[in-house]
């Protein structure tokens, strides 16, 4: 009988996956980059935190100083009866607890409508930072549960599964 091809380990499922991933995912949402730091990917964590911080600072500056007639730019906040601002608020909430400060400073009816293009860019920077963090949470989940290997092309998966010299 020919030797069976080596296989990759199966990803974690259900309770084991949640147990392995909940702390780094919570850290990632609280302080973007902290989830990667917790699993030992410090370079990725530093780069991600730097991009997140840059986008949040640029967004805040553009919303604050792009004011027209005293009206600041705004971030999306949940609005009863309208789904689009609520969806935008969920995307922006990916920036973590800092979203509360942004919603307080730049959210609500006093910021509507967006008066200048600069203000809209500011809100977009903050939303992109939030969406980027949500995507990194998905990536972190894949890494923590072992699913990241299955995103690789088949030839790279086979290389990872092949026994190393001396095994």
N, C-alpha and C. Protein backbone atom coordinates (compact mmCIF):
# COMPACT_ATOMS: atom_id res chain seq x y z
N UNK A 1 0.85 -1.17 0.00
CA UNK A 1 0.00 0.00 0.00
C UNK A 1 0.89 1.24 0.00
N UNK A 2 0.66 2.20 -0.89
CA UNK A 2 1.51 3.39 -0.93
C UNK A 2 1.29 4.23 0.32
N UNK A 3 2.36 5.00 0.65
CA UNK A 3 2.26 5.88 1.81
C UNK A 3 1.20 6.95 1.56
N UNK A 4 0.44 7.21 2.58
CA UNK A 4 -0.57 8.27 2.49
C UNK A 4 0.14 9.63 2.50
N UNK A 5 -0.42 10.55 1.78
CA UNK A 5 0.14 11.89 1.77
C UNK A 5 -0.05 12.51 3.15
N UNK A 6 0.96 13.22 3.65
CA UNK A 6 0.78 13.89 4.94
C UNK A 6 -0.30 14.96 4.82
N UNK A 7 -0.99 15.21 5.89
CA UNK A 7 -2.06 16.20 5.84
C UNK A 7 -1.82 17.29 6.88
N UNK A 8 -2.48 18.38 6.65
CA UNK A 8 -2.40 19.51 7.57
C UNK A 8 -3.31 19.25 8.77
N UNK A 9 -2.96 19.79 9.93
CA UNK A 9 -3.86 19.63 11.08
C UNK A 9 -5.19 20.33 10.83
N UNK A 10 -6.26 19.75 11.33
CA UNK A 10 -7.58 20.35 11.17
C UNK A 10 -7.69 21.60 12.04
N UNK A 11 -8.44 22.58 11.56
CA UNK A 11 -8.61 23.80 12.37
C UNK A 11 -9.46 23.52 13.61
N UNK A 12 -9.29 24.37 14.60
CA UNK A 12 -10.09 24.26 15.82
C UNK A 12 -11.55 24.60 15.50
N UNK A 13 -12.44 23.98 16.22
CA UNK A 13 -13.87 24.22 16.00
C UNK A 13 -14.58 24.47 17.33
N UNK A 14 -15.72 25.09 17.24
CA UNK A 14 -16.65 25.34 18.35
C UNK A 14 -15.98 25.86 19.61
N UNK A 15 -16.14 25.14 20.73
CA UNK A 15 -15.64 25.64 22.02
C UNK A 15 -14.13 25.83 22.03
N UNK A 16 -13.40 24.91 21.41
CA UNK A 16 -11.94 25.04 21.39
C UNK A 16 -11.51 26.29 20.63
N UNK A 17 -12.21 26.59 19.54
CA UNK A 17 -11.89 27.78 18.76
C UNK A 17 -12.18 29.04 19.57
N UNK A 18 -13.32 29.07 20.25
CA UNK A 18 -13.66 30.24 21.07
C UNK A 18 -12.69 30.41 22.22
N UNK A 19 -12.32 29.31 22.86
CA UNK A 19 -11.38 29.38 23.98
C UNK A 19 -10.02 29.90 23.53
N UNK A 20 -9.60 29.50 22.35
CA UNK A 20 -8.29 29.92 21.85
C UNK A 20 -8.28 31.37 21.38
N UNK A 21 -9.44 31.88 20.95
CA UNK A 21 -9.43 33.16 20.25
C UNK A 21 -10.05 34.34 21.00
N UNK A 22 -10.83 34.13 22.03
CA UNK A 22 -11.60 35.26 22.56
C UNK A 22 -10.73 36.35 23.17
N UNK A 23 -9.66 35.99 23.87
CA UNK A 23 -8.83 37.03 24.50
C UNK A 23 -8.09 37.89 23.47
N UNK A 24 -7.38 37.26 22.51
CA UNK A 24 -6.71 38.11 21.51
C UNK A 24 -7.68 38.94 20.68
N UNK A 25 -8.87 38.40 20.39
CA UNK A 25 -9.86 39.17 19.62
C UNK A 25 -10.36 40.37 20.42
N UNK A 26 -10.61 40.17 21.70
CA UNK A 26 -11.03 41.28 22.55
C UNK A 26 -9.93 42.33 22.65
N UNK A 27 -8.69 41.88 22.84
CA UNK A 27 -7.57 42.82 22.87
C UNK A 27 -7.45 43.60 21.57
N UNK A 28 -7.65 42.90 20.44
CA UNK A 28 -7.55 43.54 19.13
C UNK A 28 -8.59 44.63 18.98
N UNK A 29 -9.80 44.40 19.48
CA UNK A 29 -10.83 45.42 19.37
C UNK A 29 -10.56 46.58 20.34
N UNK A 30 -10.09 46.26 21.56
CA UNK A 30 -9.84 47.31 22.55
C UNK A 30 -8.70 48.23 22.13
N UNK A 31 -7.59 47.65 21.69
CA UNK A 31 -6.43 48.41 21.23
C UNK A 31 -5.96 47.74 19.94
N UNK A 32 -6.31 48.30 18.78
CA UNK A 32 -5.93 47.66 17.53
C UNK A 32 -4.42 47.36 17.48
N UNK A 33 -4.11 46.12 17.16
CA UNK A 33 -2.73 45.64 17.14
C UNK A 33 -2.40 44.79 18.35
N UNK A 34 -3.14 44.96 19.44
CA UNK A 34 -2.83 44.23 20.67
C UNK A 34 -3.10 42.73 20.53
N UNK A 35 -4.04 42.35 19.70
CA UNK A 35 -4.30 40.92 19.47
C UNK A 35 -3.13 40.24 18.79
N UNK A 36 -2.56 40.92 17.80
CA UNK A 36 -1.37 40.38 17.13
C UNK A 36 -0.19 40.35 18.10
N UNK A 37 -0.08 41.37 18.93
CA UNK A 37 1.00 41.42 19.92
C UNK A 37 0.88 40.23 20.87
N UNK A 38 -0.35 39.92 21.29
CA UNK A 38 -0.58 38.83 22.24
C UNK A 38 -0.20 37.47 21.68
N UNK A 39 -0.28 37.31 20.36
CA UNK A 39 0.09 36.01 19.78
C UNK A 39 1.53 36.01 19.27
N UNK A 40 2.26 37.07 19.55
CA UNK A 40 3.68 37.10 19.24
C UNK A 40 4.06 37.69 17.90
N UNK A 41 3.11 38.25 17.17
CA UNK A 41 3.41 38.87 15.87
C UNK A 41 3.57 40.37 16.08
N UNK A 42 4.70 40.72 16.70
CA UNK A 42 4.92 42.10 17.14
C UNK A 42 5.13 43.08 15.99
N UNK A 43 5.77 42.65 14.93
CA UNK A 43 5.96 43.53 13.78
C UNK A 43 4.63 43.89 13.15
N UNK A 44 3.77 42.90 12.96
CA UNK A 44 2.44 43.12 12.40
C UNK A 44 1.63 44.03 13.34
N UNK A 45 1.77 43.81 14.65
CA UNK A 45 1.04 44.61 15.63
C UNK A 45 1.46 46.07 15.57
N UNK A 46 2.75 46.33 15.50
CA UNK A 46 3.24 47.71 15.44
C UNK A 46 2.78 48.41 14.16
N UNK A 47 2.89 47.71 13.04
CA UNK A 47 2.47 48.30 11.76
C UNK A 47 0.98 48.60 11.78
N UNK A 48 0.20 47.65 12.27
CA UNK A 48 -1.24 47.84 12.29
C UNK A 48 -1.63 48.99 13.22
N UNK A 49 -1.04 49.04 14.40
CA UNK A 49 -1.36 50.13 15.34
C UNK A 49 -0.97 51.47 14.74
N UNK A 50 0.16 51.53 14.06
CA UNK A 50 0.59 52.78 13.44
C UNK A 50 -0.38 53.27 12.38
N UNK A 51 -0.85 52.37 11.54
CA UNK A 51 -1.82 52.74 10.50
C UNK A 51 -3.13 53.19 11.14
N UNK A 52 -3.60 52.42 12.14
CA UNK A 52 -4.83 52.77 12.84
C UNK A 52 -4.73 54.16 13.48
N UNK A 53 -3.64 54.41 14.16
CA UNK A 53 -3.44 55.70 14.83
C UNK A 53 -3.40 56.85 13.82
N UNK A 54 -2.67 56.65 12.73
CA UNK A 54 -2.58 57.67 11.69
C UNK A 54 -3.96 58.00 11.13
N UNK A 55 -4.74 56.98 10.81
CA UNK A 55 -6.07 57.21 10.24
C UNK A 55 -6.98 57.92 11.24
N UNK A 56 -6.92 57.55 12.51
CA UNK A 56 -7.77 58.20 13.52
C UNK A 56 -7.37 59.65 13.72
N UNK A 57 -6.07 59.92 13.77
CA UNK A 57 -5.61 61.30 13.96
C UNK A 57 -5.97 62.16 12.75
N UNK A 58 -5.71 61.64 11.55
CA UNK A 58 -6.07 62.40 10.34
C UNK A 58 -7.57 62.66 10.28
N UNK A 59 -8.36 61.65 10.62
CA UNK A 59 -9.82 61.81 10.62
C UNK A 59 -10.26 62.88 11.60
N UNK A 60 -9.72 62.83 12.82
CA UNK A 60 -10.11 63.81 13.83
C UNK A 60 -9.71 65.22 13.41
N UNK A 61 -8.51 65.38 12.88
CA UNK A 61 -8.06 66.70 12.46
C UNK A 61 -8.92 67.25 11.32
N UNK A 62 -9.25 66.38 10.36
CA UNK A 62 -10.04 66.86 9.23
C UNK A 62 -11.47 67.18 9.63
N UNK A 63 -12.04 66.41 10.56
CA UNK A 63 -13.40 66.73 11.00
C UNK A 63 -13.44 67.98 11.87
N UNK A 64 -12.41 68.18 12.68
CA UNK A 64 -12.37 69.34 13.57
C UNK A 64 -12.09 70.64 12.82
N UNK A 65 -11.06 70.61 12.00
CA UNK A 65 -10.61 71.85 11.36
C UNK A 65 -11.21 72.09 9.98
N UNK A 66 -12.07 71.18 9.54
CA UNK A 66 -12.79 71.42 8.29
C UNK A 66 -14.15 72.02 8.57
N UNK A 67 -14.35 72.53 9.79
CA UNK A 67 -15.65 73.05 10.20
C UNK A 67 -16.05 74.26 9.37
N UNK A 68 -17.34 74.32 9.08
CA UNK A 68 -17.92 75.46 8.36
C UNK A 68 -19.02 76.02 9.24
N UNK A 69 -18.96 77.30 9.52
CA UNK A 69 -19.96 77.98 10.35
C UNK A 69 -20.13 77.27 11.70
N UNK A 70 -19.03 76.76 12.24
CA UNK A 70 -19.05 76.12 13.55
C UNK A 70 -19.55 74.70 13.57
N UNK A 71 -19.92 74.15 12.41
CA UNK A 71 -20.44 72.78 12.35
C UNK A 71 -19.28 71.85 12.00
N UNK A 72 -18.99 70.93 12.92
CA UNK A 72 -17.90 69.98 12.71
C UNK A 72 -18.37 68.84 11.81
N UNK A 73 -17.38 68.14 11.25
CA UNK A 73 -17.68 66.94 10.48
C UNK A 73 -18.18 65.86 11.41
N UNK A 74 -18.80 64.83 10.88
CA UNK A 74 -19.38 63.82 11.75
C UNK A 74 -19.04 62.40 11.39
N UNK A 75 -19.04 61.54 12.41
CA UNK A 75 -18.95 60.11 12.19
C UNK A 75 -20.37 59.55 12.26
N UNK A 76 -20.54 58.37 11.73
CA UNK A 76 -21.86 57.75 11.78
C UNK A 76 -22.17 57.30 13.20
N UNK A 77 -23.38 57.55 13.63
CA UNK A 77 -23.89 57.05 14.91
C UNK A 77 -25.19 56.30 14.61
N UNK A 78 -25.51 55.28 15.42
CA UNK A 78 -26.76 54.54 15.16
C UNK A 78 -27.96 55.47 15.21
N UNK A 79 -28.85 55.31 14.27
CA UNK A 79 -30.05 56.13 14.18
C UNK A 79 -31.26 55.22 14.08
N UNK A 80 -32.23 55.40 14.97
CA UNK A 80 -33.44 54.57 14.95
C UNK A 80 -34.19 54.75 13.64
N UNK A 81 -34.57 53.64 13.04
CA UNK A 81 -35.38 53.68 11.83
C UNK A 81 -34.61 53.83 10.53
N UNK A 82 -33.31 54.04 10.59
CA UNK A 82 -32.51 54.13 9.37
C UNK A 82 -31.36 53.14 9.47
N UNK A 83 -31.23 52.33 8.45
CA UNK A 83 -30.24 51.26 8.51
C UNK A 83 -28.87 51.70 8.02
N UNK A 84 -28.79 52.64 7.10
CA UNK A 84 -27.49 53.01 6.54
C UNK A 84 -26.58 53.70 7.56
N UNK A 85 -27.05 54.70 8.30
CA UNK A 85 -26.17 55.28 9.32
C UNK A 85 -25.79 54.26 10.41
N UNK A 86 -26.72 53.35 10.73
CA UNK A 86 -26.42 52.33 11.73
C UNK A 86 -25.35 51.38 11.23
N UNK A 87 -25.41 51.03 9.95
CA UNK A 87 -24.39 50.18 9.35
C UNK A 87 -23.04 50.90 9.33
N UNK A 88 -23.06 52.18 9.01
CA UNK A 88 -21.84 52.99 9.06
C UNK A 88 -21.28 53.10 10.46
N UNK A 89 -22.18 53.19 11.46
CA UNK A 89 -21.74 53.25 12.85
C UNK A 89 -21.09 51.94 13.26
N UNK A 90 -21.64 50.81 12.82
CA UNK A 90 -21.04 49.51 13.13
C UNK A 90 -19.64 49.42 12.51
N UNK A 91 -19.50 49.88 11.28
CA UNK A 91 -18.18 49.86 10.62
C UNK A 91 -17.19 50.73 11.38
N UNK A 92 -17.62 51.92 11.78
CA UNK A 92 -16.75 52.85 12.50
C UNK A 92 -16.44 52.35 13.90
N UNK A 93 -17.35 51.60 14.52
CA UNK A 93 -17.15 51.07 15.87
C UNK A 93 -15.98 50.10 15.93
N UNK A 94 -15.48 49.67 14.79
CA UNK A 94 -14.30 48.81 14.76
C UNK A 94 -13.05 49.48 15.30
N UNK A 95 -13.07 50.81 15.48
CA UNK A 95 -11.89 51.48 16.02
C UNK A 95 -11.76 51.22 17.52
N UNK A 96 -12.75 50.54 18.10
CA UNK A 96 -12.65 50.19 19.52
C UNK A 96 -13.35 51.21 20.39
N UNK A 97 -13.01 51.22 21.68
CA UNK A 97 -13.66 52.15 22.62
C UNK A 97 -13.44 53.62 22.25
N UNK A 98 -12.45 53.90 21.45
CA UNK A 98 -12.21 55.28 21.00
C UNK A 98 -13.42 55.79 20.20
N UNK A 99 -14.23 54.86 19.68
CA UNK A 99 -15.43 55.26 18.95
C UNK A 99 -16.34 56.11 19.83
N UNK A 100 -16.41 55.80 21.12
CA UNK A 100 -17.23 56.60 22.03
C UNK A 100 -16.79 58.06 22.04
N UNK A 101 -15.49 58.29 22.06
CA UNK A 101 -14.97 59.67 22.04
C UNK A 101 -15.27 60.34 20.70
N UNK A 102 -15.13 59.60 19.61
CA UNK A 102 -15.43 60.17 18.29
C UNK A 102 -16.92 60.47 18.16
N UNK A 103 -17.77 59.56 18.64
CA UNK A 103 -19.22 59.78 18.55
C UNK A 103 -19.63 60.98 19.41
N UNK A 104 -18.99 61.16 20.56
CA UNK A 104 -19.30 62.30 21.43
C UNK A 104 -18.85 63.61 20.77
N UNK A 105 -17.63 63.61 20.22
CA UNK A 105 -17.07 64.84 19.65
C UNK A 105 -17.60 65.16 18.26
N UNK A 106 -17.87 64.12 17.47
CA UNK A 106 -18.20 64.36 16.06
C UNK A 106 -19.48 63.67 15.60
N UNK A 107 -20.29 63.17 16.51
CA UNK A 107 -21.48 62.44 16.11
C UNK A 107 -22.76 63.18 16.41
N UNK A 108 -23.85 62.68 15.86
CA UNK A 108 -25.16 63.21 16.19
C UNK A 108 -25.66 64.25 15.22
N UNK A 109 -26.83 64.78 15.55
CA UNK A 109 -27.52 65.71 14.65
C UNK A 109 -26.78 67.03 14.47
N UNK A 110 -25.98 67.45 15.45
CA UNK A 110 -25.26 68.71 15.34
C UNK A 110 -24.16 68.69 14.31
N UNK A 111 -23.85 67.54 13.77
CA UNK A 111 -22.78 67.44 12.79
C UNK A 111 -23.30 67.27 11.38
N UNK A 112 -24.60 67.14 11.23
CA UNK A 112 -25.16 66.88 9.91
C UNK A 112 -25.62 68.18 9.27
N UNK A 113 -25.63 68.33 7.99
CA UNK A 113 -24.99 67.45 7.03
C UNK A 113 -23.50 67.76 6.92
N UNK A 114 -22.78 66.88 6.25
CA UNK A 114 -21.37 67.14 6.01
C UNK A 114 -21.29 68.37 5.12
N UNK A 115 -20.54 69.36 5.57
CA UNK A 115 -20.52 70.64 4.87
C UNK A 115 -19.39 70.77 3.87
N UNK A 116 -18.28 70.07 4.13
CA UNK A 116 -17.15 70.20 3.21
C UNK A 116 -16.58 68.82 2.91
N UNK A 117 -15.85 68.75 1.83
CA UNK A 117 -15.23 67.51 1.43
C UNK A 117 -14.19 67.06 2.47
N UNK A 118 -13.52 68.01 3.11
CA UNK A 118 -12.53 67.68 4.13
C UNK A 118 -13.17 66.91 5.27
N UNK A 119 -14.35 67.35 5.71
CA UNK A 119 -15.03 66.65 6.79
C UNK A 119 -15.41 65.23 6.38
N UNK A 120 -15.85 65.06 5.15
CA UNK A 120 -16.23 63.73 4.68
C UNK A 120 -15.00 62.82 4.63
N UNK A 121 -13.86 63.36 4.21
CA UNK A 121 -12.63 62.57 4.22
C UNK A 121 -12.29 62.13 5.64
N UNK A 122 -12.48 63.03 6.61
CA UNK A 122 -12.18 62.69 8.00
C UNK A 122 -13.03 61.53 8.49
N UNK A 123 -14.34 61.59 8.21
CA UNK A 123 -15.23 60.51 8.62
C UNK A 123 -14.86 59.21 7.91
N UNK A 124 -14.43 59.33 6.66
CA UNK A 124 -14.06 58.14 5.90
C UNK A 124 -12.78 57.53 6.45
N UNK A 125 -11.80 58.34 6.84
CA UNK A 125 -10.59 57.82 7.46
C UNK A 125 -10.91 57.00 8.70
N UNK A 126 -11.79 57.53 9.54
CA UNK A 126 -12.13 56.84 10.78
C UNK A 126 -12.89 55.55 10.47
N UNK A 127 -13.79 55.59 9.49
CA UNK A 127 -14.52 54.37 9.13
C UNK A 127 -13.59 53.32 8.54
N UNK A 128 -12.66 53.73 7.72
CA UNK A 128 -11.70 52.77 7.15
C UNK A 128 -10.84 52.15 8.25
N UNK A 129 -10.44 52.94 9.25
CA UNK A 129 -9.69 52.40 10.38
C UNK A 129 -10.52 51.34 11.10
N UNK A 130 -11.82 51.60 11.27
CA UNK A 130 -12.70 50.63 11.91
C UNK A 130 -12.86 49.37 11.09
N UNK A 131 -13.10 49.52 9.79
CA UNK A 131 -13.24 48.35 8.92
C UNK A 131 -11.95 47.54 8.86
N UNK A 132 -10.82 48.22 8.84
CA UNK A 132 -9.53 47.53 8.84
C UNK A 132 -9.37 46.70 10.11
N UNK A 133 -9.81 47.24 11.23
CA UNK A 133 -9.70 46.48 12.48
C UNK A 133 -10.65 45.29 12.48
N UNK A 134 -11.88 45.45 11.94
CA UNK A 134 -12.77 44.30 11.85
C UNK A 134 -12.14 43.22 10.97
N UNK A 135 -11.55 43.61 9.85
CA UNK A 135 -10.90 42.62 8.98
C UNK A 135 -9.72 41.95 9.68
N UNK A 136 -8.98 42.69 10.47
CA UNK A 136 -7.87 42.08 11.19
C UNK A 136 -8.38 41.11 12.25
N UNK A 137 -9.57 41.36 12.79
CA UNK A 137 -10.16 40.40 13.73
C UNK A 137 -10.47 39.09 13.02
N UNK A 138 -10.97 39.16 11.78
CA UNK A 138 -11.20 37.93 11.01
C UNK A 138 -9.88 37.20 10.74
N UNK A 139 -8.85 37.95 10.39
CA UNK A 139 -7.55 37.36 10.14
C UNK A 139 -7.00 36.72 11.41
N UNK A 140 -7.15 37.40 12.52
CA UNK A 140 -6.69 36.87 13.81
C UNK A 140 -7.43 35.58 14.15
N UNK A 141 -8.73 35.55 13.91
CA UNK A 141 -9.52 34.32 14.14
C UNK A 141 -8.95 33.18 13.32
N UNK A 142 -8.69 33.44 12.03
CA UNK A 142 -8.13 32.39 11.17
C UNK A 142 -6.78 31.91 11.68
N UNK A 143 -5.94 32.81 12.13
CA UNK A 143 -4.62 32.43 12.62
C UNK A 143 -4.71 31.63 13.91
N UNK A 144 -5.60 32.03 14.80
CA UNK A 144 -5.71 31.38 16.10
C UNK A 144 -6.37 30.00 16.02
N UNK A 145 -7.23 29.81 15.04
CA UNK A 145 -7.94 28.53 14.94
C UNK A 145 -7.32 27.60 13.90
N UNK A 146 -6.27 28.05 13.20
CA UNK A 146 -5.59 27.20 12.23
C UNK A 146 -6.19 27.23 10.84
N UNK A 147 -7.09 28.15 10.58
CA UNK A 147 -7.73 28.22 9.26
C UNK A 147 -6.89 28.98 8.23
N UNK A 148 -5.89 29.74 8.68
CA UNK A 148 -5.10 30.56 7.76
C UNK A 148 -4.40 29.71 6.71
N UNK A 149 -4.04 28.48 7.04
CA UNK A 149 -3.31 27.61 6.12
C UNK A 149 -4.15 27.34 4.88
N UNK A 150 -5.46 27.28 5.04
CA UNK A 150 -6.33 26.92 3.93
C UNK A 150 -6.59 28.10 3.00
N UNK A 151 -6.06 29.28 3.32
CA UNK A 151 -6.11 30.42 2.41
C UNK A 151 -4.94 30.40 1.44
N UNK A 152 -3.95 29.56 1.71
CA UNK A 152 -2.76 29.48 0.87
C UNK A 152 -3.06 28.68 -0.40
N UNK A 153 -2.30 28.90 -1.48
CA UNK A 153 -2.45 28.07 -2.67
C UNK A 153 -2.12 26.61 -2.34
N UNK A 154 -2.66 25.69 -3.12
CA UNK A 154 -2.49 24.24 -2.87
C UNK A 154 -1.02 23.82 -2.77
N UNK A 155 -0.16 24.37 -3.65
CA UNK A 155 1.25 23.96 -3.61
C UNK A 155 1.92 24.37 -2.29
N UNK A 156 1.55 25.53 -1.74
CA UNK A 156 2.13 25.95 -0.47
C UNK A 156 1.56 25.12 0.68
N UNK A 157 0.29 24.72 0.58
CA UNK A 157 -0.28 23.84 1.59
C UNK A 157 0.45 22.49 1.60
N UNK A 158 0.76 21.98 0.41
CA UNK A 158 1.47 20.70 0.31
C UNK A 158 2.87 20.81 0.89
N UNK A 159 3.54 21.95 0.68
CA UNK A 159 4.87 22.16 1.27
C UNK A 159 4.81 22.14 2.78
N UNK A 160 3.80 22.78 3.36
CA UNK A 160 3.65 22.80 4.81
C UNK A 160 3.33 21.41 5.36
N UNK A 161 2.58 20.61 4.60
CA UNK A 161 2.19 19.30 5.06
C UNK A 161 3.29 18.25 4.89
N UNK A 162 4.23 18.52 3.97
CA UNK A 162 5.30 17.54 3.69
C UNK A 162 6.20 17.39 4.92
N UNK A 163 6.61 16.16 5.22
CA UNK A 163 7.51 15.96 6.37
C UNK A 163 8.86 16.61 6.10
N UNK A 164 9.41 17.19 7.12
CA UNK A 164 10.72 17.85 7.01
C UNK A 164 11.83 16.78 7.03
N UNK A 165 13.02 17.16 6.56
CA UNK A 165 14.17 16.25 6.57
C UNK A 165 14.46 15.83 8.01
N UNK A 166 14.64 14.56 8.22
CA UNK A 166 15.01 14.06 9.55
C UNK A 166 13.80 13.70 10.39
N UNK A 167 12.59 13.82 9.85
CA UNK A 167 11.40 13.45 10.63
C UNK A 167 11.01 12.03 10.35
